[in-house]
Amino acid sequence: MEKNVLVNLDELDGKDVIDISGTVLGQVKGSRVSVKNWRITHLKVKLSNQAAEQLGFKKRFGSASVCMPVSLVSAVGDVITTESTLSELRQTAEIIECPE
């Protein structure tokens, strides 16, 4: 049975995002919310240099930011963990550049 857990959006900002193997992907710098159902759809993640390079995103103004669907998140705690490795995430088209 799925349990609803409420999280303050402010608590997500600044959390590190890591892949399932422990590689740091970056930090949460915001979120996207659907006004249709008031659910978070994406996390805006400021990528680390390594993750930006591996995922193929170009840095603009010193860093690359992407929108990562929350469906790729497996756990939220002290850090946010994805359900895949960085190399597996590279294979997905779901991670897109965030419009500013």
N, C-alpha and C. Protein backbone atom coordinates (compact mmCIF):
# COMPACT_ATOMS: atom_id res chain seq x y z
N MET A 1 0.84 -1.18 0.00
CA MET A 1 0.00 0.00 0.00
C MET A 1 0.89 1.24 0.00
N GLU A 2 0.62 2.16 -0.93
CA GLU A 2 1.40 3.38 -1.03
C GLU A 2 1.02 4.34 0.09
N LYS A 3 2.04 4.88 0.73
CA LYS A 3 1.81 5.80 1.84
C LYS A 3 2.13 7.21 1.39
N ASN A 4 1.22 8.15 1.61
CA ASN A 4 1.46 9.54 1.27
C ASN A 4 2.36 10.17 2.32
N VAL A 5 3.41 10.81 1.85
CA VAL A 5 4.32 11.52 2.73
C VAL A 5 4.38 12.96 2.25
N LEU A 6 4.15 13.88 3.15
CA LEU A 6 4.20 15.29 2.80
C LEU A 6 5.59 15.84 3.10
N VAL A 7 6.13 16.58 2.14
CA VAL A 7 7.45 17.18 2.28
C VAL A 7 7.33 18.65 1.92
N ASN A 8 7.91 19.50 2.72
CA ASN A 8 7.96 20.92 2.43
C ASN A 8 8.91 21.13 1.26
N LEU A 9 8.47 21.84 0.22
CA LEU A 9 9.32 22.05 -0.96
C LEU A 9 10.64 22.73 -0.60
N ASP A 10 10.61 23.62 0.40
CA ASP A 10 11.83 24.28 0.82
C ASP A 10 12.87 23.29 1.35
N GLU A 11 12.41 22.17 1.90
CA GLU A 11 13.32 21.17 2.43
C GLU A 11 14.06 20.42 1.32
N LEU A 12 13.50 20.40 0.13
CA LEU A 12 14.15 19.72 -0.99
C LEU A 12 15.30 20.54 -1.57
N ASP A 13 15.15 21.86 -1.59
CA ASP A 13 16.19 22.72 -2.15
C ASP A 13 17.50 22.54 -1.39
N GLY A 14 18.56 22.37 -2.16
CA GLY A 14 19.89 22.22 -1.58
C GLY A 14 20.28 20.78 -1.29
N LYS A 15 19.33 19.85 -1.36
CA LYS A 15 19.68 18.44 -1.11
C LYS A 15 20.51 17.91 -2.27
N ASP A 16 21.50 17.09 -1.94
CA ASP A 16 22.28 16.42 -2.96
C ASP A 16 21.43 15.35 -3.62
N VAL A 17 21.63 15.18 -4.91
CA VAL A 17 20.99 14.11 -5.67
C VAL A 17 22.08 13.13 -6.05
N ILE A 18 21.90 11.86 -5.68
CA ILE A 18 22.88 10.83 -5.99
C ILE A 18 22.23 9.71 -6.77
N ASP A 19 23.05 8.99 -7.54
CA ASP A 19 22.49 7.83 -8.22
C ASP A 19 22.54 6.63 -7.28
N ILE A 20 22.02 5.52 -7.73
CA ILE A 20 21.89 4.35 -6.87
C ILE A 20 23.25 3.80 -6.41
N SER A 21 24.33 4.15 -7.15
CA SER A 21 25.67 3.68 -6.77
C SER A 21 26.40 4.67 -5.86
N GLY A 22 25.78 5.83 -5.59
CA GLY A 22 26.37 6.81 -4.69
C GLY A 22 27.08 7.96 -5.38
N THR A 23 27.08 8.00 -6.70
CA THR A 23 27.69 9.10 -7.45
C THR A 23 26.84 10.35 -7.31
N VAL A 24 27.46 11.46 -6.97
CA VAL A 24 26.73 12.72 -6.82
C VAL A 24 26.40 13.27 -8.19
N LEU A 25 25.11 13.48 -8.44
CA LEU A 25 24.65 14.05 -9.71
C LEU A 25 24.58 15.56 -9.64
N GLY A 26 24.26 16.09 -8.47
CA GLY A 26 24.14 17.53 -8.31
C GLY A 26 23.30 17.87 -7.10
N GLN A 27 22.71 19.08 -7.14
CA GLN A 27 21.89 19.58 -6.03
C GLN A 27 20.56 20.09 -6.55
N VAL A 28 19.52 19.88 -5.75
CA VAL A 28 18.18 20.38 -6.10
C VAL A 28 18.18 21.90 -5.96
N LYS A 29 17.69 22.55 -7.00
CA LYS A 29 17.61 24.01 -7.02
C LYS A 29 16.20 24.47 -7.37
N GLY A 30 15.21 23.63 -7.10
CA GLY A 30 13.84 24.00 -7.38
C GLY A 30 13.04 22.79 -7.82
N SER A 31 11.77 23.03 -8.12
CA SER A 31 10.91 21.94 -8.57
C SER A 31 9.86 22.49 -9.52
N ARG A 32 9.27 21.60 -10.28
CA ARG A 32 8.18 21.94 -11.19
C ARG A 32 6.93 21.24 -10.67
N VAL A 33 5.85 21.99 -10.63
CA VAL A 33 4.59 21.47 -10.10
C VAL A 33 3.52 21.58 -11.17
N SER A 34 2.75 20.52 -11.33
CA SER A 34 1.61 20.54 -12.26
C SER A 34 0.46 21.24 -11.56
N VAL A 35 -0.08 22.28 -12.18
CA VAL A 35 -1.22 22.97 -11.59
C VAL A 35 -2.51 22.19 -11.83
N LYS A 36 -2.43 21.20 -12.69
CA LYS A 36 -3.59 20.37 -12.96
C LYS A 36 -3.94 19.50 -11.75
N ASN A 37 -2.92 18.90 -11.14
CA ASN A 37 -3.18 18.03 -9.98
C ASN A 37 -2.36 18.41 -8.75
N TRP A 38 -1.59 19.50 -8.83
CA TRP A 38 -0.79 20.02 -7.73
C TRP A 38 0.22 19.01 -7.20
N ARG A 39 0.84 18.27 -8.12
CA ARG A 39 1.90 17.32 -7.77
C ARG A 39 3.22 17.77 -8.38
N ILE A 40 4.28 17.49 -7.67
CA ILE A 40 5.61 17.76 -8.21
C ILE A 40 5.85 16.79 -9.37
N THR A 41 6.24 17.33 -10.51
CA THR A 41 6.52 16.49 -11.67
C THR A 41 8.02 16.32 -11.90
N HIS A 42 8.79 17.38 -11.62
CA HIS A 42 10.22 17.36 -11.88
C HIS A 42 10.97 18.09 -10.76
N LEU A 43 12.21 17.66 -10.56
CA LEU A 43 13.13 18.39 -9.71
C LEU A 43 14.12 19.10 -10.62
N LYS A 44 14.39 20.36 -10.34
CA LYS A 44 15.43 21.09 -11.08
C LYS A 44 16.74 20.78 -10.36
N VAL A 45 17.67 20.17 -11.09
CA VAL A 45 18.93 19.74 -10.50
C VAL A 45 20.09 20.47 -11.18
N LYS A 46 20.89 21.16 -10.36
CA LYS A 46 22.12 21.76 -10.84
C LYS A 46 23.16 20.65 -10.84
N LEU A 47 23.59 20.22 -12.03
CA LEU A 47 24.46 19.07 -12.16
C LEU A 47 25.90 19.36 -11.74
N SER A 48 26.55 18.34 -11.20
CA SER A 48 27.98 18.41 -10.96
C SER A 48 28.67 18.40 -12.33
N ASN A 49 29.93 18.81 -12.38
CA ASN A 49 30.66 18.82 -13.64
C ASN A 49 30.70 17.43 -14.26
N GLN A 50 30.98 16.42 -13.44
CA GLN A 50 31.06 15.04 -13.93
C GLN A 50 29.73 14.59 -14.51
N ALA A 51 28.64 14.84 -13.79
CA ALA A 51 27.33 14.41 -14.26
C ALA A 51 26.93 15.14 -15.53
N ALA A 52 27.21 16.44 -15.60
CA ALA A 52 26.87 17.22 -16.80
C ALA A 52 27.59 16.66 -18.01
N GLU A 53 28.86 16.35 -17.83
CA GLU A 53 29.65 15.80 -18.93
C GLU A 53 29.13 14.43 -19.35
N GLN A 54 28.87 13.55 -18.37
CA GLN A 54 28.42 12.19 -18.67
C GLN A 54 27.03 12.17 -19.29
N LEU A 55 26.16 13.09 -18.87
CA LEU A 55 24.79 13.13 -19.39
C LEU A 55 24.70 13.92 -20.69
N GLY A 56 25.79 14.62 -21.05
CA GLY A 56 25.81 15.35 -22.32
C GLY A 56 25.15 16.71 -22.28
N PHE A 57 25.12 17.36 -21.12
CA PHE A 57 24.53 18.70 -21.02
C PHE A 57 25.64 19.73 -20.94
N LYS A 58 25.48 20.80 -21.69
CA LYS A 58 26.47 21.87 -21.70
C LYS A 58 26.23 22.81 -20.55
N LYS A 59 27.33 23.24 -19.96
CA LYS A 59 27.24 24.19 -18.87
C LYS A 59 27.00 25.59 -19.42
N ARG A 60 26.05 26.26 -18.83
CA ARG A 60 25.78 27.65 -19.17
C ARG A 60 25.98 28.47 -17.90
N PHE A 61 26.76 29.51 -18.02
CA PHE A 61 27.02 30.37 -16.87
C PHE A 61 27.61 29.57 -15.71
N GLY A 62 28.49 28.62 -16.01
CA GLY A 62 29.21 27.90 -14.97
C GLY A 62 28.62 26.57 -14.55
N SER A 63 27.36 26.29 -14.89
CA SER A 63 26.77 25.01 -14.49
C SER A 63 25.62 24.64 -15.42
N ALA A 64 25.28 23.37 -15.42
CA ALA A 64 24.15 22.88 -16.21
C ALA A 64 23.03 22.50 -15.25
N SER A 65 21.82 22.90 -15.59
CA SER A 65 20.65 22.53 -14.79
C SER A 65 19.68 21.75 -15.66
N VAL A 66 19.14 20.68 -15.08
CA VAL A 66 18.20 19.84 -15.81
C VAL A 66 16.94 19.64 -14.99
N CYS A 67 15.87 19.25 -15.68
CA CYS A 67 14.64 18.86 -15.01
C CYS A 67 14.59 17.33 -15.01
N MET A 68 14.59 16.78 -13.83
CA MET A 68 14.57 15.33 -13.66
C MET A 68 13.19 14.90 -13.17
N PRO A 69 12.52 14.03 -13.91
CA PRO A 69 11.20 13.58 -13.47
C PRO A 69 11.28 12.89 -12.11
N VAL A 70 10.30 13.14 -11.27
CA VAL A 70 10.29 12.52 -9.95
C VAL A 70 10.10 11.01 -10.06
N SER A 71 9.66 10.53 -11.21
CA SER A 71 9.53 9.07 -11.39
C SER A 71 10.88 8.37 -11.35
N LEU A 72 11.97 9.12 -11.52
CA LEU A 72 13.31 8.54 -11.45
C LEU A 72 13.86 8.50 -10.03
N VAL A 73 13.14 9.10 -9.09
CA VAL A 73 13.59 9.15 -7.70
C VAL A 73 13.11 7.91 -6.96
N SER A 74 14.05 7.29 -6.22
CA SER A 74 13.67 6.09 -5.45
C SER A 74 13.55 6.38 -3.97
N ALA A 75 14.24 7.43 -3.47
CA ALA A 75 14.17 7.73 -2.04
C ALA A 75 14.50 9.20 -1.79
N VAL A 76 13.86 9.74 -0.76
CA VAL A 76 14.14 11.10 -0.31
C VAL A 76 14.43 11.03 1.18
N GLY A 77 15.58 11.51 1.56
CA GLY A 77 16.00 11.54 2.96
C GLY A 77 16.99 12.67 3.12
N ASP A 78 18.14 12.37 3.71
CA ASP A 78 19.19 13.39 3.79
C ASP A 78 19.68 13.75 2.40
N VAL A 79 19.59 12.79 1.48
CA VAL A 79 19.89 13.01 0.07
C VAL A 79 18.72 12.46 -0.75
N ILE A 80 18.69 12.82 -2.01
CA ILE A 80 17.68 12.28 -2.92
C ILE A 80 18.39 11.26 -3.80
N THR A 81 17.86 10.04 -3.84
CA THR A 81 18.49 8.96 -4.57
C THR A 81 17.67 8.58 -5.79
N THR A 82 18.36 8.41 -6.93
CA THR A 82 17.67 7.95 -8.13
C THR A 82 17.65 6.43 -8.14
N GLU A 83 16.78 5.87 -8.95
CA GLU A 83 16.65 4.41 -9.03
C GLU A 83 17.64 3.80 -10.01
N SER A 84 18.44 4.63 -10.68
CA SER A 84 19.36 4.17 -11.72
C SER A 84 20.77 4.71 -11.48
N THR A 85 21.73 4.13 -12.20
CA THR A 85 23.10 4.64 -12.18
C THR A 85 23.22 5.79 -13.17
N LEU A 86 24.30 6.52 -13.07
CA LEU A 86 24.55 7.63 -13.98
C LEU A 86 24.58 7.15 -15.43
N SER A 87 25.23 6.02 -15.69
CA SER A 87 25.29 5.52 -17.07
C SER A 87 23.90 5.10 -17.57
N GLU A 88 23.05 4.58 -16.68
CA GLU A 88 21.68 4.24 -17.08
C GLU A 88 20.86 5.51 -17.33
N LEU A 89 21.09 6.54 -16.52
CA LEU A 89 20.37 7.80 -16.70
C LEU A 89 20.74 8.45 -18.03
N ARG A 90 21.99 8.24 -18.46
CA ARG A 90 22.45 8.78 -19.74
C ARG A 90 21.62 8.21 -20.90
N GLN A 91 21.10 7.02 -20.73
CA GLN A 91 20.34 6.34 -21.78
C GLN A 91 18.88 6.83 -21.88
N THR A 92 18.42 7.56 -20.86
CA THR A 92 17.02 7.99 -20.85
C THR A 92 16.86 9.37 -21.47
N ALA A 93 15.75 9.57 -22.13
CA ALA A 93 15.43 10.88 -22.72
C ALA A 93 14.55 11.70 -21.77
N GLU A 94 14.29 11.17 -20.58
CA GLU A 94 13.38 11.85 -19.65
C GLU A 94 14.01 13.05 -18.96
N ILE A 95 15.33 13.06 -18.85
CA ILE A 95 16.01 14.20 -18.23
C ILE A 95 16.25 15.23 -19.30
N ILE A 96 15.68 16.43 -19.09
CA ILE A 96 15.76 17.48 -20.11
C ILE A 96 16.34 18.75 -19.51
N GLU A 97 16.82 19.61 -20.37
CA GLU A 97 17.33 20.90 -19.92
C GLU A 97 16.16 21.72 -19.39
N CYS A 98 16.36 22.34 -18.23
CA CYS A 98 15.30 23.15 -17.63
C CYS A 98 15.24 24.52 -18.27
N PRO A 99 14.05 24.94 -18.67
CA PRO A 99 13.91 26.32 -19.12
C PRO A 99 14.03 27.24 -17.90
N GLU A 100 14.69 28.32 -18.09
CA GLU A 100 14.89 29.26 -16.96
C GLU A 100 13.70 30.14 -16.75
